[in-house]
N, C-alpha and C. Protein backbone atom coordinates (compact mmCIF):
# COMPACT_ATOMS: atom_id res chain seq x y z
N MET A 1 25.44 -17.57 90.12
CA MET A 1 25.59 -16.54 89.21
C MET A 1 24.15 -15.69 88.82
N TRP A 2 23.15 -16.71 88.78
CA TRP A 2 21.96 -16.19 88.57
C TRP A 2 21.54 -15.06 89.51
N LYS A 3 21.57 -15.20 90.92
CA LYS A 3 21.31 -14.27 91.53
C LYS A 3 21.98 -12.93 91.34
N ILE A 4 23.42 -12.87 91.21
CA ILE A 4 24.00 -11.64 90.95
C ILE A 4 23.51 -10.86 89.72
N TYR A 5 23.06 -11.91 88.64
CA TYR A 5 22.67 -11.52 87.47
C TYR A 5 21.57 -10.70 87.66
N LYS A 6 20.56 -11.48 88.43
CA LYS A 6 19.14 -10.92 88.71
C LYS A 6 19.31 -9.63 89.54
N ARG A 7 20.30 -9.18 90.04
CA ARG A 7 20.47 -8.13 90.78
C ARG A 7 21.06 -6.94 89.89
N ALA A 8 21.72 -7.20 89.12
CA ALA A 8 22.03 -6.24 87.93
C ALA A 8 21.28 -6.13 87.03
N ILE A 9 20.08 -6.50 86.64
CA ILE A 9 19.31 -6.51 85.76
C ILE A 9 17.81 -5.84 86.42
N GLY A 10 17.79 -5.93 87.88
CA GLY A 10 16.73 -5.30 88.33
C GLY A 10 15.26 -5.98 88.03
N ASP A 11 14.29 -4.87 87.83
CA ASP A 11 12.95 -5.42 87.46
C ASP A 11 12.60 -5.88 85.98
N LEU A 12 13.85 -5.92 85.18
CA LEU A 12 13.55 -6.29 83.69
C LEU A 12 13.22 -7.71 83.89
N LEU A 13 12.07 -8.34 83.10
CA LEU A 13 11.73 -9.92 82.82
C LEU A 13 12.35 -10.42 82.02
N ILE A 14 13.65 -10.01 81.44
CA ILE A 14 14.20 -10.68 80.25
C ILE A 14 14.06 -12.23 80.26
N TRP A 15 14.53 -12.81 81.17
CA TRP A 15 14.76 -14.33 81.27
C TRP A 15 13.20 -14.96 81.57
N ARG A 16 12.51 -14.30 82.38
CA ARG A 16 11.11 -14.88 82.62
C ARG A 16 10.28 -14.85 81.07
N ILE A 17 10.18 -13.63 80.33
CA ILE A 17 9.52 -13.74 79.17
C ILE A 17 10.53 -14.84 78.27
N ALA A 18 11.56 -14.89 77.99
CA ALA A 18 12.36 -15.70 77.13
C ALA A 18 11.82 -17.26 77.80
N ALA A 19 11.93 -17.44 78.76
CA ALA A 19 11.60 -18.95 79.40
C ALA A 19 10.08 -19.18 78.90
N ARG A 20 9.16 -18.28 79.09
CA ARG A 20 7.66 -18.47 78.64
C ARG A 20 7.51 -18.77 77.20
N GLU A 21 8.38 -17.84 76.41
CA GLU A 21 8.31 -17.93 74.97
C GLU A 21 8.91 -19.50 74.29
N ARG A 22 9.74 -20.21 75.30
CA ARG A 22 10.53 -21.22 74.84
C ARG A 22 9.98 -22.64 75.74
N GLY A 23 9.09 -22.47 76.67
CA GLY A 23 8.44 -23.51 77.27
C GLY A 23 8.93 -23.86 78.48
N PHE A 24 9.89 -23.10 78.76
CA PHE A 24 10.74 -23.44 80.27
C PHE A 24 9.67 -22.76 81.33
N SER A 25 9.72 -23.66 82.30
CA SER A 25 8.72 -23.18 83.59
C SER A 25 9.49 -22.28 84.28
N LYS A 26 10.92 -22.41 84.55
CA LYS A 26 11.63 -21.20 85.35
C LYS A 26 12.74 -20.36 84.56
N SER A 27 12.72 -19.22 84.75
CA SER A 27 13.65 -18.34 83.85
C SER A 27 15.17 -18.80 84.48
N ASP A 28 15.36 -19.18 85.89
CA ASP A 28 16.62 -19.65 86.12
C ASP A 28 17.35 -20.76 85.23
N SER A 29 16.35 -21.77 85.16
CA SER A 29 16.64 -22.84 84.23
C SER A 29 17.00 -22.45 82.66
N LEU A 30 16.12 -21.63 82.30
CA LEU A 30 16.94 -21.16 80.86
C LEU A 30 17.97 -20.38 80.76
N PHE A 31 18.30 -19.57 81.71
CA PHE A 31 19.42 -18.90 82.01
C PHE A 31 20.82 -19.99 82.02
N HIS A 32 20.47 -21.14 83.09
CA HIS A 32 21.60 -22.00 83.45
C HIS A 32 21.74 -23.01 82.15
N SER A 33 20.68 -23.12 81.24
CA SER A 33 20.95 -24.29 79.99
C SER A 33 21.67 -23.32 78.84
N THR A 34 21.29 -22.25 78.93
CA THR A 34 21.87 -21.34 78.32
C THR A 34 23.30 -20.68 78.49
N ASN A 35 23.62 -20.55 79.57
CA ASN A 35 25.04 -19.93 79.91
C ASN A 35 25.83 -20.86 80.81
N GLY A 36 25.46 -21.93 81.01
CA GLY A 36 26.13 -22.88 82.11
C GLY A 36 27.70 -23.22 81.41
N GLY A 37 27.70 -23.32 80.18
CA GLY A 37 28.64 -23.69 79.32
C GLY A 37 29.83 -22.78 79.51
N CYS A 38 29.33 -21.74 79.97
CA CYS A 38 30.35 -20.44 79.90
C CYS A 38 30.82 -19.80 81.13
N LEU A 39 30.22 -20.60 82.07
CA LEU A 39 30.69 -20.16 83.38
C LEU A 39 31.53 -21.37 84.06
N LEU A 40 32.46 -20.96 84.99
CA LEU A 40 33.47 -21.83 85.63
C LEU A 40 32.77 -21.63 87.25
N PRO A 41 32.64 -22.67 88.00
CA PRO A 41 32.37 -22.59 89.56
C PRO A 41 33.14 -21.69 90.07
N GLY A 42 32.79 -20.81 91.03
CA GLY A 42 33.54 -19.95 91.95
C GLY A 42 34.28 -18.95 91.21
N LYS A 43 34.48 -19.04 89.58
CA LYS A 43 35.19 -17.84 88.81
C LYS A 43 34.37 -17.26 87.84
N GLY A 44 33.03 -17.50 87.52
CA GLY A 44 32.35 -16.78 86.85
C GLY A 44 32.53 -17.00 85.20
N VAL A 45 32.53 -16.07 84.63
CA VAL A 45 32.47 -16.28 83.11
C VAL A 45 33.69 -16.37 82.61
N TRP A 46 33.94 -17.49 81.77
CA TRP A 46 35.01 -17.53 81.11
C TRP A 46 34.81 -17.60 79.48
N ALA A 47 33.77 -17.75 79.01
CA ALA A 47 33.48 -17.57 77.61
C ALA A 47 32.44 -16.59 77.37
N PHE A 48 33.10 -15.54 77.27
CA PHE A 48 32.23 -13.94 77.29
C PHE A 48 31.45 -14.00 75.86
N LYS A 49 32.27 -14.36 74.82
CA LYS A 49 31.61 -14.54 73.50
C LYS A 49 30.49 -15.27 73.37
N THR A 50 30.30 -16.51 74.15
CA THR A 50 29.01 -17.18 73.88
C THR A 50 28.29 -17.04 75.07
N PHE A 51 28.38 -16.04 75.95
CA PHE A 51 27.45 -15.93 77.28
C PHE A 51 26.23 -14.91 76.50
N ARG A 52 25.20 -14.94 76.99
CA ARG A 52 24.20 -14.53 76.58
C ARG A 52 23.64 -13.74 77.81
N PHE A 53 23.58 -12.11 77.47
CA PHE A 53 23.08 -11.08 78.88
C PHE A 53 21.68 -11.35 78.50
N SER A 54 21.20 -11.53 77.60
CA SER A 54 19.61 -11.33 77.08
C SER A 54 19.42 -12.41 76.04
N LEU A 55 18.08 -12.74 75.89
CA LEU A 55 17.56 -13.59 74.88
C LEU A 55 15.98 -13.01 74.82
N GLY A 56 15.42 -13.23 73.61
CA GLY A 56 14.03 -12.79 73.23
C GLY A 56 14.00 -12.86 71.82
N THR A 57 12.73 -12.44 71.29
CA THR A 57 12.26 -12.51 70.21
C THR A 57 12.44 -11.26 69.15
N LEU A 58 12.79 -10.21 69.79
CA LEU A 58 13.28 -9.05 68.83
C LEU A 58 14.24 -9.23 67.83
N GLU A 59 14.71 -8.49 66.95
CA GLU A 59 15.85 -8.79 65.92
C GLU A 59 16.97 -8.37 66.79
N ALA A 60 18.08 -9.21 66.77
CA ALA A 60 19.27 -9.15 67.40
C ALA A 60 20.08 -7.89 66.86
N PRO A 61 20.82 -7.24 67.60
CA PRO A 61 22.01 -6.21 67.02
C PRO A 61 22.86 -6.82 66.35
N VAL A 62 23.35 -6.03 65.31
CA VAL A 62 24.55 -6.34 64.42
C VAL A 62 25.42 -5.08 64.68
N ILE A 63 26.53 -5.48 65.53
CA ILE A 63 27.32 -4.49 65.79
C ILE A 63 28.50 -4.42 64.91
N THR A 64 28.66 -3.10 64.15
CA THR A 64 29.58 -3.02 63.12
C THR A 64 30.82 -1.83 63.42
N GLY A 65 30.96 -1.71 65.01
CA GLY A 65 32.04 -1.10 65.05
C GLY A 65 32.04 -0.49 66.64
N THR A 66 33.03 -0.37 67.28
CA THR A 66 33.32 -0.05 68.74
C THR A 66 34.61 0.98 68.62
N GLU A 67 34.56 1.66 69.64
CA GLU A 67 35.30 2.64 69.78
C GLU A 67 35.72 2.90 71.57
N ARG A 68 36.91 3.01 71.95
CA ARG A 68 36.86 3.18 73.38
C ARG A 68 38.12 4.35 73.84
N ASN A 69 37.62 5.22 74.66
CA ASN A 69 38.59 6.39 75.05
C ASN A 69 38.30 6.35 76.38
N GLY A 70 39.12 5.81 77.29
CA GLY A 70 39.13 5.40 78.72
C GLY A 70 37.95 4.92 79.01
N TRP A 71 37.10 5.24 79.83
CA TRP A 71 35.75 4.83 80.02
C TRP A 71 34.46 5.11 79.42
N THR A 72 34.92 5.69 78.36
CA THR A 72 33.79 6.23 77.20
C THR A 72 33.82 5.21 76.24
N VAL A 73 32.49 4.62 75.77
CA VAL A 73 32.79 3.57 74.58
C VAL A 73 31.51 4.12 73.83
N THR A 74 31.97 3.92 72.71
CA THR A 74 30.89 4.21 71.69
C THR A 74 30.78 2.84 70.88
N LEU A 75 29.38 2.38 70.49
CA LEU A 75 29.03 1.45 69.82
C LEU A 75 28.12 1.65 68.68
N ASN A 76 28.36 0.95 67.60
CA ASN A 76 27.44 1.26 66.35
C ASN A 76 27.06 -0.31 66.06
N TRP A 77 25.74 0.03 65.19
CA TRP A 77 25.15 -1.06 65.07
C TRP A 77 24.31 -0.88 63.51
N GLU A 78 23.74 -2.00 63.11
CA GLU A 78 22.79 -1.86 62.09
C GLU A 78 21.44 -1.85 62.90
N ASN A 79 20.60 -1.01 62.07
CA ASN A 79 19.32 -0.75 62.90
C ASN A 79 18.42 -1.93 62.70
N GLY A 80 18.18 -2.78 61.61
CA GLY A 80 17.50 -3.58 61.42
C GLY A 80 16.44 -3.34 61.52
N ILE A 81 15.82 -2.12 61.23
CA ILE A 81 14.53 -1.36 61.31
C ILE A 81 13.34 -2.03 60.19
N ASP A 82 14.06 -2.39 59.18
CA ASP A 82 13.34 -2.91 58.05
C ASP A 82 12.70 -4.66 58.37
N CYS A 83 13.24 -5.00 59.45
CA CYS A 83 12.86 -6.31 59.75
C CYS A 83 11.65 -6.13 60.53
N PRO A 84 10.90 -7.34 60.69
CA PRO A 84 9.48 -7.06 61.14
C PRO A 84 9.40 -7.33 62.68
N LYS A 85 10.69 -7.87 63.10
CA LYS A 85 10.71 -7.70 64.96
C LYS A 85 11.72 -6.65 65.37
N ALA A 86 11.63 -5.54 64.71
CA ALA A 86 12.27 -4.50 65.19
C ALA A 86 11.72 -3.35 64.88
N SER A 87 11.85 -2.10 65.81
CA SER A 87 11.31 -0.91 65.61
C SER A 87 12.38 0.21 65.74
N ALA A 88 12.27 1.32 65.26
CA ALA A 88 13.29 2.59 65.58
C ALA A 88 13.13 2.74 67.15
N SER A 89 12.27 2.64 67.62
CA SER A 89 11.87 3.15 69.10
C SER A 89 12.69 1.91 70.03
N ASP A 90 12.73 0.96 69.61
CA ASP A 90 13.28 0.09 70.51
C ASP A 90 14.24 0.71 71.56
N GLN A 91 14.17 0.36 72.90
CA GLN A 91 15.48 0.78 73.93
C GLN A 91 16.63 0.19 73.61
N VAL A 92 17.52 0.74 73.86
CA VAL A 92 18.95 0.30 74.09
C VAL A 92 19.54 -0.25 75.42
N PHE A 93 19.81 -1.34 75.70
CA PHE A 93 20.75 -1.71 76.90
C PHE A 93 22.24 -2.45 76.53
N VAL A 94 22.93 -2.10 77.62
CA VAL A 94 24.42 -2.39 77.34
C VAL A 94 24.48 -3.28 78.84
N GLY A 95 24.73 -4.61 78.81
CA GLY A 95 25.50 -5.22 79.89
C GLY A 95 27.05 -5.19 79.66
N TYR A 96 27.53 -5.60 80.97
CA TYR A 96 28.98 -5.51 80.65
C TYR A 96 29.65 -6.21 81.77
N PHE A 97 30.77 -6.89 81.85
CA PHE A 97 31.83 -7.13 82.71
C PHE A 97 33.04 -6.63 82.71
N TYR A 98 33.68 -6.17 83.67
CA TYR A 98 35.11 -5.81 83.58
C TYR A 98 35.70 -7.28 83.38
N ASP A 99 37.04 -7.41 82.82
CA ASP A 99 37.56 -8.54 82.69
C ASP A 99 38.22 -9.03 84.17
N THR A 100 38.25 -8.13 84.96
CA THR A 100 38.79 -8.64 86.34
C THR A 100 37.77 -8.90 87.13
N LEU A 101 36.52 -8.85 86.84
CA LEU A 101 35.38 -9.12 87.78
C LEU A 101 34.38 -9.94 87.23
N ARG A 102 34.86 -11.25 86.67
CA ARG A 102 33.99 -12.06 85.81
C ARG A 102 32.84 -12.78 86.32
N ARG A 103 32.57 -12.28 87.53
CA ARG A 103 31.54 -13.01 88.31
C ARG A 103 30.60 -11.59 88.60
N SER A 104 30.46 -10.60 88.00
CA SER A 104 29.90 -9.33 88.33
C SER A 104 29.43 -8.75 87.09
N PRO A 105 28.19 -9.31 86.85
CA PRO A 105 27.59 -8.58 85.64
C PRO A 105 26.95 -7.38 86.03
N CYS A 106 27.22 -6.11 85.11
CA CYS A 106 26.53 -5.05 85.59
C CYS A 106 25.61 -4.27 84.23
N LEU A 107 24.79 -3.67 84.15
CA LEU A 107 23.69 -3.00 82.91
C LEU A 107 23.45 -1.62 83.15
N LEU A 108 23.80 -1.03 81.97
CA LEU A 108 23.29 0.19 82.00
C LEU A 108 22.01 0.07 81.29
N ARG A 109 20.72 0.78 81.90
CA ARG A 109 19.68 0.51 81.47
C ARG A 109 19.11 1.93 80.95
N ASP A 110 19.04 3.27 81.56
CA ASP A 110 18.48 4.41 81.10
C ASP A 110 19.33 5.32 80.10
N ILE A 111 19.59 4.32 79.14
CA ILE A 111 20.49 4.96 77.85
C ILE A 111 19.21 5.58 76.96
N PRO A 112 19.79 7.06 76.37
CA PRO A 112 18.67 7.79 75.81
C PRO A 112 18.93 7.56 74.50
N ALA A 113 19.21 6.48 73.86
CA ALA A 113 19.41 6.03 72.72
C ALA A 113 18.39 4.97 72.04
N ARG A 114 17.99 4.85 71.06
CA ARG A 114 17.01 3.94 70.43
C ARG A 114 17.71 3.35 69.38
N ARG A 115 17.16 1.94 68.94
CA ARG A 115 17.82 1.35 67.83
C ARG A 115 17.97 1.90 66.68
N GLY A 116 16.87 2.77 66.12
CA GLY A 116 17.13 3.58 64.73
C GLY A 116 18.08 4.57 64.88
N ASP A 117 18.85 4.85 66.23
CA ASP A 117 20.12 5.93 66.17
C ASP A 117 21.14 5.52 65.58
N GLU A 118 21.29 4.03 65.56
CA GLU A 118 22.24 3.27 65.03
C GLU A 118 23.67 3.49 65.49
N ASN A 119 23.91 4.01 66.97
CA ASN A 119 25.02 4.52 67.54
C ASN A 119 24.81 4.72 68.85
N VAL A 120 25.80 4.73 69.99
CA VAL A 120 25.30 5.23 71.29
C VAL A 120 26.86 5.49 71.77
N THR A 121 26.94 6.61 72.45
CA THR A 121 28.29 6.80 73.40
C THR A 121 27.73 6.66 74.96
N ILE A 122 28.49 5.82 75.48
CA ILE A 122 28.12 5.72 76.80
C ILE A 122 29.23 5.57 78.03
N GLU A 123 29.19 6.01 79.16
CA GLU A 123 30.11 6.18 80.01
C GLU A 123 30.29 4.86 81.14
N ILE A 124 31.01 4.02 81.04
CA ILE A 124 30.94 2.96 81.70
C ILE A 124 31.55 3.57 83.05
N PRO A 125 31.19 3.06 84.47
CA PRO A 125 31.69 3.64 85.47
C PRO A 125 33.16 2.74 85.71
N SER A 126 33.97 3.32 86.34
CA SER A 126 35.24 2.79 86.19
C SER A 126 35.15 1.70 87.23
N GLY A 127 34.65 1.73 88.23
CA GLY A 127 34.38 0.49 89.44
C GLY A 127 35.55 0.28 89.86
N ASP A 128 36.46 1.12 90.10
CA ASP A 128 37.88 1.18 90.75
C ASP A 128 38.55 0.18 90.07
N GLN A 129 38.56 0.18 88.75
CA GLN A 129 39.13 -1.07 87.87
C GLN A 129 40.38 0.17 87.14
N PRO A 130 41.66 -0.52 86.95
CA PRO A 130 42.60 0.19 86.55
C PRO A 130 42.32 0.72 84.98
N GLU A 131 42.63 1.85 84.91
CA GLU A 131 42.35 2.36 83.34
C GLU A 131 43.19 1.22 82.27
N GLY A 132 42.17 1.08 81.17
CA GLY A 132 42.44 0.07 80.13
C GLY A 132 41.94 -1.39 80.39
N THR A 133 41.64 -1.28 81.48
CA THR A 133 40.70 -2.82 82.17
C THR A 133 39.85 -3.24 80.70
N PRO A 134 40.17 -4.40 80.23
CA PRO A 134 39.34 -4.54 79.07
C PRO A 134 37.77 -4.89 79.64
N LEU A 135 36.96 -4.55 78.72
CA LEU A 135 35.40 -4.86 79.18
C LEU A 135 34.66 -5.80 77.96
N HIS A 136 33.86 -6.29 78.66
CA HIS A 136 33.13 -7.32 77.76
C HIS A 136 31.62 -6.72 77.64
N LEU A 137 31.31 -6.45 76.73
CA LEU A 137 29.88 -5.39 76.45
C LEU A 137 28.86 -6.23 75.72
N TYR A 138 27.51 -6.15 76.00
CA TYR A 138 26.56 -6.99 75.49
C TYR A 138 25.55 -5.73 75.10
N LEU A 139 25.34 -5.74 73.64
CA LEU A 139 24.41 -4.78 73.36
C LEU A 139 22.95 -5.57 73.20
N PHE A 140 22.04 -4.85 73.62
CA PHE A 140 20.53 -5.87 73.16
C PHE A 140 19.40 -4.22 73.19
N PHE A 141 18.40 -4.90 72.95
CA PHE A 141 17.22 -4.06 72.59
C PHE A 141 15.97 -4.71 73.35
N GLY A 142 14.95 -3.55 73.83
CA GLY A 142 13.76 -3.86 74.21
C GLY A 142 12.64 -3.24 73.84
N ASP A 143 11.49 -3.47 73.84
CA ASP A 143 10.66 -2.70 72.88
C ASP A 143 10.05 -1.85 74.36
N SER A 144 9.09 -0.81 73.58
CA SER A 144 8.67 0.52 74.53
C SER A 144 8.08 0.07 76.06
N GLU A 145 7.48 -1.33 75.92
CA GLU A 145 6.69 -1.86 76.96
C GLU A 145 7.75 -2.67 78.05
N LEU A 146 8.79 -3.07 77.45
CA LEU A 146 9.71 -3.92 78.12
C LEU A 146 9.10 -5.40 78.18
N ALA A 147 8.34 -5.84 77.04
CA ALA A 147 7.71 -6.76 77.20
C ALA A 147 8.33 -7.80 76.22
N ARG A 148 9.28 -7.22 75.38
CA ARG A 148 9.98 -8.23 74.55
C ARG A 148 11.51 -7.69 74.35
N PHE A 149 12.29 -8.61 74.34
CA PHE A 149 13.85 -8.22 74.36
C PHE A 149 14.44 -8.92 72.93
N SER A 150 15.61 -8.52 72.82
CA SER A 150 16.38 -8.98 71.74
C SER A 150 17.25 -10.07 72.44
N PRO A 151 18.13 -11.22 71.68
CA PRO A 151 19.33 -11.29 71.83
C PRO A 151 20.37 -10.44 71.98
N SER A 152 21.28 -10.75 73.04
CA SER A 152 22.43 -10.07 73.36
C SER A 152 23.52 -10.21 72.15
N GLU A 153 24.18 -9.11 71.78
CA GLU A 153 25.52 -9.51 70.61
C GLU A 153 26.67 -8.78 71.54
N TYR A 154 27.70 -9.60 71.49
CA TYR A 154 28.83 -9.30 72.25
C TYR A 154 30.03 -8.63 71.47
N THR A 155 30.92 -7.69 72.26
CA THR A 155 31.99 -7.25 71.67
C THR A 155 32.98 -6.97 72.99
N GLN A 156 34.03 -6.95 72.64
CA GLN A 156 35.10 -6.65 73.75
C GLN A 156 35.89 -5.00 73.53
N VAL A 157 36.16 -4.49 74.39
CA VAL A 157 36.86 -3.04 74.01
C VAL A 157 37.64 -3.02 75.18
């Protein structure tokens, strides 16, 4: 799962930074110690709610609402910018799984929204999935230098 996940996040150093902050020597060790109980060998994620797409020291998002229309999804959150580890300019990221592809994490990263916007409407690629396929979404933030990230927050639509 680690190799597939790494392909999904590309050059983002989410787990390397989190591992360093927590005293782990390897990012994959932290990923597996965090998510190992959420994975079934050969099947992928079974416990989507407890799976972590991201870890970090920025303030975590608090999702206040979701709406779905086809493959268009709107997420609303509390911006948390009055917290010391949050900025209105933090970048928005959304990781996701199709319910039918539990071994295939995906990431939307070039989203033109920021934490201070308190909402975003995104288009999830259909991925040749049937209309209405449940989506498991993970909202998280990254700072402007992509040197710090927040823990992800889960929702399903």
